[in-house]
PDB file of N, CA and C in Angstrom:
ATOM      1  N   MET A   1       2.489   4.174   0.515  1.00  0.00           N
ATOM      2  CA  MET A   1       3.866   4.099   0.141  1.00  0.00           C
ATOM      3  C   MET A   1       4.371   2.673   0.268  1.00  0.00           C
ATOM      4  N   ASN A   2       3.497   1.708  -0.010  1.00  0.00           N
ATOM      5  CA  ASN A   2       4.010   0.365  -0.138  1.00  0.00           C
ATOM      6  C   ASN A   2       4.952   0.404  -1.316  1.00  0.00           C
ATOM      7  N   ARG A   3       5.037  -0.597  -2.145  1.00  0.00           N
ATOM      8  CA  ARG A   3       5.972  -0.498  -3.258  1.00  0.00           C
ATOM      9  C   ARG A   3       5.564   0.605  -4.224  1.00  0.00           C
ATOM     10  N   SER A   4       4.262   0.869  -4.305  1.00  0.00           N
ATOM     11  CA  SER A   4       3.809   1.915  -5.230  1.00  0.00           C
ATOM     12  C   SER A   4       3.479   3.225  -4.520  1.00  0.00           C
ATOM     13  N   GLY A   5       3.559   3.230  -3.222  1.00  0.00           N
ATOM     14  CA  GLY A   5       3.292   4.448  -2.468  1.00  0.00           C
ATOM     15  C   GLY A   5       1.968   4.382  -1.741  1.00  0.00           C
ATOM     16  N   GLY A   6       1.813   5.215  -0.737  1.00  0.00           N
ATOM     17  CA  GLY A   6       0.583   5.265   0.039  1.00  0.00           C
ATOM     18  C   GLY A   6       0.880   5.317   1.521  1.00  0.00           C
ATOM     19  N   LEU A   7      -0.084   5.772   2.268  1.00  0.00           N
ATOM     20  CA  LEU A   7       0.067   5.970   3.706  1.00  0.00           C
ATOM     21  C   LEU A   7       0.326   4.674   4.468  1.00  0.00           C
ATOM     22  N   ILE A   8      -0.185   3.556   3.988  1.00  0.00           N
ATOM     23  CA  ILE A   8      -0.051   2.301   4.727  1.00  0.00           C
ATOM     24  C   ILE A   8       1.416   1.901   4.927  1.00  0.00           C
ATOM     25  N   ALA A   9       2.281   2.301   4.039  1.00  0.00           N
ATOM     26  CA  ALA A   9       3.700   1.962   4.175  1.00  0.00           C
ATOM     27  C   ALA A   9       4.363   2.702   5.330  1.00  0.00           C
ATOM     28  N   LEU A  10       3.732   3.752   5.827  1.00  0.00           N
ATOM     29  CA  LEU A  10       4.313   4.535   6.912  1.00  0.00           C
ATOM     30  C   LEU A  10       3.884   4.034   8.283  1.00  0.00           C
ATOM     31  N   VAL A  11       2.935   3.101   8.339  1.00  0.00           N
ATOM     32  CA  VAL A  11       2.429   2.588   9.608  1.00  0.00           C
ATOM     33  C   VAL A  11       3.460   1.659  10.235  1.00  0.00           C
ATOM     34  N   LYS A  12       3.655   1.825  11.558  1.00  0.00           N
ATOM     35  CA  LYS A  12       4.563   0.969  12.316  1.00  0.00           C
ATOM     36  C   LYS A  12       3.789   0.298  13.440  1.00  0.00           C
ATOM     37  N   ASN A  13       4.306  -0.843  13.911  1.00  0.00           N
ATOM     38  CA  ASN A  13       3.684  -1.533  15.042  1.00  0.00           C
ATOM     39  C   ASN A  13       3.533  -0.580  16.210  1.00  0.00           C
ATOM     40  N   GLY A  14       2.357  -0.569  16.811  1.00  0.00           N
ATOM     41  CA  GLY A  14       2.103   0.275  17.964  1.00  0.00           C
ATOM     42  C   GLY A  14       1.528   1.640  17.645  1.00  0.00           C
ATOM     43  N   ASP A  15       1.460   2.016  16.368  1.00  0.00           N
ATOM     44  CA  ASP A  15       0.887   3.309  15.996  1.00  0.00           C
ATOM     45  C   ASP A  15      -0.598   3.347  16.358  1.00  0.00           C
ATOM     46  N   PRO A  16      -1.068   4.494  16.868  1.00  0.00           N
ATOM     47  CA  PRO A  16      -2.499   4.607  17.182  1.00  0.00           C
ATOM     48  C   PRO A  16      -3.322   4.764  15.897  1.00  0.00           C
ATOM     49  N   ILE A  17      -4.335   3.917  15.774  1.00  0.00           N
ATOM     50  CA  ILE A  17      -5.206   3.929  14.598  1.00  0.00           C
ATOM     51  C   ILE A  17      -6.644   3.986  15.095  1.00  0.00           C
ATOM     52  N   THR A  18      -7.449   4.837  14.478  1.00  0.00           N
ATOM     53  CA  THR A  18      -8.867   4.953  14.815  1.00  0.00           C
ATOM     54  C   THR A  18      -9.687   4.428  13.649  1.00  0.00           C
ATOM     55  N   ILE A  19     -10.619   3.523  13.957  1.00  0.00           N
ATOM     56  CA  ILE A  19     -11.529   2.986  12.946  1.00  0.00           C
ATOM     57  C   ILE A  19     -12.923   3.509  13.251  1.00  0.00           C
ATOM     58  N   ASP A  20     -13.516   4.214  12.299  1.00  0.00           N
ATOM     59  CA  ASP A  20     -14.872   4.742  12.435  1.00  0.00           C
ATOM     60  C   ASP A  20     -15.732   4.056  11.373  1.00  0.00           C
ATOM     61  N   ALA A  21     -16.445   3.014  11.800  1.00  0.00           N
ATOM     62  CA  ALA A  21     -17.247   2.222  10.865  1.00  0.00           C
ATOM     63  C   ALA A  21     -18.392   3.036  10.270  1.00  0.00           C
ATOM     64  N   GLU A  22     -18.987   3.919  11.066  1.00  0.00           N
ATOM     65  CA  GLU A  22     -20.113   4.703  10.555  1.00  0.00           C
ATOM     66  C   GLU A  22     -19.675   5.647   9.441  1.00  0.00           C
ATOM     67  N   LYS A  23     -18.495   6.246   9.588  1.00  0.00           N
ATOM     68  CA  LYS A  23     -17.980   7.149   8.559  1.00  0.00           C
ATOM     69  C   LYS A  23     -17.176   6.406   7.499  1.00  0.00           C
ATOM     70  N   ARG A  24     -16.952   5.115   7.727  1.00  0.00           N
ATOM     71  CA  ARG A  24     -16.162   4.266   6.830  1.00  0.00           C
ATOM     72  C   ARG A  24     -14.761   4.835   6.639  1.00  0.00           C
ATOM     73  N   GLN A  25     -14.106   5.144   7.778  1.00  0.00           N
ATOM     74  CA  GLN A  25     -12.767   5.736   7.761  1.00  0.00           C
ATOM     75  C   GLN A  25     -11.832   4.976   8.686  1.00  0.00           C
ATOM     76  N   ILE A  26     -10.582   4.908   8.276  1.00  0.00           N
ATOM     77  CA  ILE A  26      -9.500   4.426   9.122  1.00  0.00           C
ATOM     78  C   ILE A  26      -8.465   5.533   9.149  1.00  0.00           C
ATOM     79  N   ASN A  27      -8.115   5.995  10.343  1.00  0.00           N
ATOM     80  CA  ASN A  27      -7.192   7.121  10.480  1.00  0.00           C
ATOM     81  C   ASN A  27      -5.955   6.728  11.265  1.00  0.00           C
ATOM     82  N   LEU A  28      -4.809   7.140  10.774  1.00  0.00           N
ATOM     83  CA  LEU A  28      -3.544   6.975  11.465  1.00  0.00           C
ATOM     84  C   LEU A  28      -3.343   8.228  12.307  1.00  0.00           C
ATOM     85  N   ASP A  29      -3.388   8.063  13.620  1.00  0.00           N
ATOM     86  CA  ASP A  29      -3.384   9.203  14.532  1.00  0.00           C
ATOM     87  C   ASP A  29      -1.964   9.601  14.923  1.00  0.00           C
ATOM     88  N   LEU A  30      -1.262  10.208  13.980  1.00  0.00           N
ATOM     89  CA  LEU A  30       0.097  10.687  14.211  1.00  0.00           C
ATOM     90  C   LEU A  30       0.186  12.148  13.776  1.00  0.00           C
ATOM     91  N   PRO A  31       1.065  12.911  14.416  1.00  0.00           N
ATOM     92  CA  PRO A  31       1.252  14.307  13.993  1.00  0.00           C
ATOM     93  C   PRO A  31       1.780  14.378  12.552  1.00  0.00           C
ATOM     94  N   ALA A  32       1.407  15.442  11.870  1.00  0.00           N
ATOM     95  CA  ALA A  32       1.837  15.637  10.480  1.00  0.00           C
ATOM     96  C   ALA A  32       3.355  15.636  10.359  1.00  0.00           C
ATOM     97  N   ALA A  33       4.051  16.176  11.363  1.00  0.00           N
ATOM     98  CA  ALA A  33       5.518  16.217  11.316  1.00  0.00           C
ATOM     99  C   ALA A  33       6.114  14.807  11.330  1.00  0.00           C
ATOM    100  N   GLU A  34       5.507  13.903  12.096  1.00  0.00           N
ATOM    101  CA  GLU A  34       5.993  12.515  12.140  1.00  0.00           C
ATOM    102  C   GLU A  34       5.742  11.815  10.815  1.00  0.00           C
ATOM    103  N   LEU A  35       4.581  12.029  10.224  1.00  0.00           N
ATOM    104  CA  LEU A  35       4.290  11.432   8.915  1.00  0.00           C
ATOM    105  C   LEU A  35       5.251  11.964   7.859  1.00  0.00           C
ATOM    106  N   LYS A  36       5.551  13.240   7.905  1.00  0.00           N
ATOM    107  CA  LYS A  36       6.491  13.843   6.953  1.00  0.00           C
ATOM    108  C   LYS A  36       7.879  13.232   7.111  1.00  0.00           C
ATOM    109  N   ARG A  37       8.312  13.035   8.368  1.00  0.00           N
ATOM    110  CA  ARG A  37       9.622  12.434   8.631  1.00  0.00           C
ATOM    111  C   ARG A  37       9.686  11.012   8.089  1.00  0.00           C
ATOM    112  N   ARG A  38       8.627  10.239   8.347  1.00  0.00           N
ATOM    113  CA  ARG A  38       8.589   8.857   7.864  1.00  0.00           C
ATOM    114  C   ARG A  38       8.561   8.803   6.341  1.00  0.00           C
ATOM    115  N   LYS A  39       7.801   9.696   5.726  1.00  0.00           N
ATOM    116  CA  LYS A  39       7.713   9.707   4.265  1.00  0.00           C
ATOM    117  C   LYS A  39       9.068  10.024   3.637  1.00  0.00           C
ATOM    118  N   LYS A  40       9.783  10.960   4.243  1.00  0.00           N
ATOM    119  CA  LYS A  40      11.099  11.330   3.725  1.00  0.00           C
ATOM    120  C   LYS A  40      12.092  10.167   3.837  1.00  0.00           C
ATOM    121  N   ALA A  41      11.974   9.372   4.897  1.00  0.00           N
ATOM    122  CA  ALA A  41      12.893   8.255   5.137  1.00  0.00           C
ATOM    123  C   ALA A  41      12.495   6.984   4.383  1.00  0.00           C
ATOM    124  N   TRP A  42      11.285   6.961   3.813  1.00  0.00           N
ATOM    125  CA  TRP A  42      10.771   5.755   3.183  1.00  0.00           C
ATOM    126  C   TRP A  42      11.536   5.398   1.908  1.00  0.00           C
ATOM    127  N   LYS A  43      11.808   4.117   1.739  1.00  0.00           N
ATOM    128  CA  LYS A  43      12.436   3.588   0.521  1.00  0.00           C
ATOM    129  C   LYS A  43      11.576   2.437   0.013  1.00  0.00           C
ATOM    130  N   PRO A  44      11.349   2.353  -1.293  1.00  0.00           N
ATOM    131  CA  PRO A  44      10.542   1.243  -1.822  1.00  0.00           C
ATOM    132  C   PRO A  44      11.221  -0.098  -1.572  1.00  0.00           C
ATOM    133  N   MET A  45      10.397  -1.101  -1.330  1.00  0.00           N
ATOM    134  CA  MET A  45      10.919  -2.457  -1.135  1.00  0.00           C
ATOM    135  C   MET A  45      11.393  -3.014  -2.474  1.00  0.00           C
ATOM    136  N   LYS A  46      12.410  -3.838  -2.415  1.00  0.00           N
ATOM    137  CA  LYS A  46      12.820  -4.560  -3.621  1.00  0.00           C
ATOM    138  C   LYS A  46      11.808  -5.675  -3.856  1.00  0.00           C
ATOM    139  N   PRO A  47      11.513  -5.977  -5.120  1.00  0.00           N
ATOM    140  CA  PRO A  47      10.562  -7.059  -5.394  1.00  0.00           C
ATOM    141  C   PRO A  47      11.063  -8.380  -4.819  1.00  0.00           C
ATOM    142  N   ARG A  48      10.156  -9.132  -4.213  1.00  0.00           N
ATOM    143  CA  ARG A  48      10.521 -10.437  -3.664  1.00  0.00           C
ATOM    144  C   ARG A  48      10.826 -11.429  -4.791  1.00  0.00           C
ATOM    145  N   TYR A  49      10.069 -11.317  -5.864  1.00  0.00           N
ATOM    146  CA  TYR A  49      10.250 -12.232  -7.001  1.00  0.00           C
ATOM    147  C   TYR A  49      10.619 -11.405  -8.229  1.00  0.00           C
ATOM    148  N   THR A  50      11.672 -11.773  -8.896  1.00  0.00           N
ATOM    149  CA  THR A  50      12.103 -11.043 -10.087  1.00  0.00           C
ATOM    150  C   THR A  50      12.026 -11.888 -11.349  1.00  0.00           C
ATOM    151  N   ARG A  51      11.706 -13.154 -11.201  1.00  0.00           N
ATOM    152  CA  ARG A  51      11.572 -14.057 -12.344  1.00  0.00           C
ATOM    153  C   ARG A  51      10.428 -15.023 -12.091  1.00  0.00           C
ATOM    154  N   GLY A  52       9.907 -15.574 -13.159  1.00  0.00           N
ATOM    155  CA  GLY A  52       8.894 -16.615 -13.039  1.00  0.00           C
ATOM    156  C   GLY A  52       7.479 -16.072 -12.916  1.00  0.00           C
ATOM    157  N   VAL A  53       6.573 -17.004 -12.655  1.00  0.00           N
ATOM    158  CA  VAL A  53       5.150 -16.682 -12.662  1.00  0.00           C
ATOM    159  C   VAL A  53       4.781 -15.704 -11.547  1.00  0.00           C
ATOM    160  N   LEU A  54       5.399 -15.796 -10.383  1.00  0.00           N
ATOM    161  CA  LEU A  54       5.070 -14.859  -9.307  1.00  0.00           C
ATOM    162  C   LEU A  54       5.536 -13.443  -9.635  1.00  0.00           C
ATOM    163  N   ALA A  55       6.635 -13.309 -10.323  1.00  0.00           N
ATOM    164  CA  ALA A  55       7.092 -11.982 -10.757  1.00  0.00           C
ATOM    165  C   ALA A  55       6.116 -11.409 -11.782  1.00  0.00           C
ATOM    166  N   LYS A  56       5.654 -12.245 -12.703  1.00  0.00           N
ATOM    167  CA  LYS A  56       4.670 -11.789 -13.694  1.00  0.00           C
ATOM    168  C   LYS A  56       3.375 -11.363 -13.015  1.00  0.00           C
ATOM    169  N   TYR A  57       2.930 -12.172 -12.057  1.00  0.00           N
ATOM    170  CA  TYR A  57       1.697 -11.846 -11.339  1.00  0.00           C
ATOM    171  C   TYR A  57       1.845 -10.521 -10.589  1.00  0.00           C
ATOM    172  N   ALA A  58       2.940 -10.367  -9.863  1.00  0.00           N
ATOM    173  CA  ALA A  58       3.164  -9.146  -9.067  1.00  0.00           C
ATOM    174  C   ALA A  58       3.203  -7.901  -9.946  1.00  0.00           C
ATOM    175  N   SER A  59       3.727  -8.037 -11.147  1.00  0.00           N
ATOM    176  CA  SER A  59       3.813  -6.866 -12.024  1.00  0.00           C
ATOM    177  C   SER A  59       2.487  -6.559 -12.713  1.00  0.00           C
ATOM    178  N   ALA A  60       1.571  -7.528 -12.771  1.00  0.00           N
ATOM    179  CA  ALA A  60       0.335  -7.344 -13.515  1.00  0.00           C
ATOM    180  C   ALA A  60      -0.901  -7.125 -12.637  1.00  0.00           C
ATOM    181  N   VAL A  61      -0.875  -7.565 -11.399  1.00  0.00           N
ATOM    182  CA  VAL A  61      -2.080  -7.537 -10.560  1.00  0.00           C
ATOM    183  C   VAL A  61      -2.415  -6.111 -10.114  1.00  0.00           C
ATOM    184  N   THR A  62      -3.723  -5.826 -10.057  1.00  0.00           N
ATOM    185  CA  THR A  62      -4.184  -4.533  -9.559  1.00  0.00           C
ATOM    186  C   THR A  62      -4.283  -4.579  -8.037  1.00  0.00           C
ATOM    187  N   SER A  63      -4.551  -3.454  -7.427  1.00  0.00           N
ATOM    188  CA  SER A  63      -4.688  -3.403  -5.968  1.00  0.00           C
ATOM    189  C   SER A  63      -5.952  -4.145  -5.539  1.00  0.00           C
ATOM    190  N   ALA A  64      -6.011  -4.480  -4.255  1.00  0.00           N
ATOM    191  CA  ALA A  64      -7.174  -5.179  -3.715  1.00  0.00           C
ATOM    192  C   ALA A  64      -8.443  -4.367  -3.894  1.00  0.00           C
ATOM    193  N   SER A  65      -8.333  -3.040  -3.802  1.00  0.00           N
ATOM    194  CA  SER A  65      -9.527  -2.200  -3.948  1.00  0.00           C
ATOM    195  C   SER A  65     -10.105  -2.262  -5.359  1.00  0.00           C
ATOM    196  N   LEU A  66      -9.292  -2.712  -6.320  1.00  0.00           N
ATOM    197  CA  LEU A  66      -9.760  -2.869  -7.699  1.00  0.00           C
ATOM    198  C   LEU A  66     -10.029  -4.323  -8.051  1.00  0.00           C
ATOM    199  N   GLY A  67      -9.967  -5.205  -7.050  1.00  0.00           N
ATOM    200  CA  GLY A  67     -10.301  -6.606  -7.270  1.00  0.00           C
ATOM    201  C   GLY A  67      -9.115  -7.544  -7.373  1.00  0.00           C
ATOM    202  N   ALA A  68      -7.893  -7.044  -7.285  1.00  0.00           N
ATOM    203  CA  ALA A  68      -6.678  -7.864  -7.377  1.00  0.00           C
ATOM    204  C   ALA A  68      -6.728  -8.767  -8.613  1.00  0.00           C
ATOM    205  N   VAL A  69      -7.068  -8.169  -9.743  1.00  0.00           N
ATOM    206  CA  VAL A  69      -7.164  -8.923 -10.994  1.00  0.00           C
ATOM    207  C   VAL A  69      -5.976  -8.616 -11.886  1.00  0.00           C
ATOM    208  N   THR A  70      -5.679  -9.518 -12.802  1.00  0.00           N
ATOM    209  CA  THR A  70      -4.573  -9.317 -13.733  1.00  0.00           C
ATOM    210  C   THR A  70      -5.039  -8.913 -15.125  1.00  0.00           C
ATOM    211  N   ASP A  71      -6.348  -8.921 -15.342  1.00  0.00           N
ATOM    212  CA  ASP A  71      -6.870  -8.609 -16.674  1.00  0.00           C
ATOM    213  C   ASP A  71      -7.708  -7.337 -16.680  1.00  0.00           C
ATOM    214  N   ASN A  72      -7.381  -6.392 -15.816  1.00  0.00           N
ATOM    215  CA  ASN A  72      -8.142  -5.163 -15.688  1.00  0.00           C
ATOM    216  C   ASN A  72      -8.235  -4.376 -16.996  1.00  0.00           C
ATOM    217  N   ALA A  73      -7.166  -4.364 -17.781  1.00  0.00           N
ATOM    218  CA  ALA A  73      -7.143  -3.589 -19.019  1.00  0.00           C
ATOM    219  C   ALA A  73      -7.552  -4.409 -20.239  1.00  0.00           C
ATOM    220  N   LEU A  74      -7.955  -5.644 -20.027  1.00  0.00           N
ATOM    221  CA  LEU A  74      -8.317  -6.525 -21.134  1.00  0.00           C
ATOM    222  C   LEU A  74      -9.587  -6.031 -21.806  1.00  0.00           C
ATOM    223  N   LYS A  75      -9.511  -5.834 -23.095  1.00  0.00           N
ATOM    224  CA  LYS A  75     -10.672  -5.379 -23.893  1.00  0.00           C
ATOM    225  C   LYS A  75     -11.126  -6.534 -24.767  1.00  0.00           C
ATOM    226  N   LEU A  76     -12.318  -7.023 -24.505  1.00  0.00           N
ATOM    227  CA  LEU A  76     -12.868  -8.128 -25.309  1.00  0.00           C
ATOM    228  C   LEU A  76     -14.045  -7.655 -26.133  1.00  0.00           C
TER     229      LEU A  76
END
């Protein structure tokens, strides 16, 4: 639930997190009721840049898991 949504936006400083390298998992160790409360209260951030090259980049770039590229849909 960052600007586009996802669990990472619900994480707060001090939250218990478990990293299991063998299973390749990162878990936020909070009760489901707390996650539901945070999700309901969540509001998307306003864009930091609304004009110029950084605004164009922010609107075009893919997520880090997809390579953080701006030409993902480019067909050559």
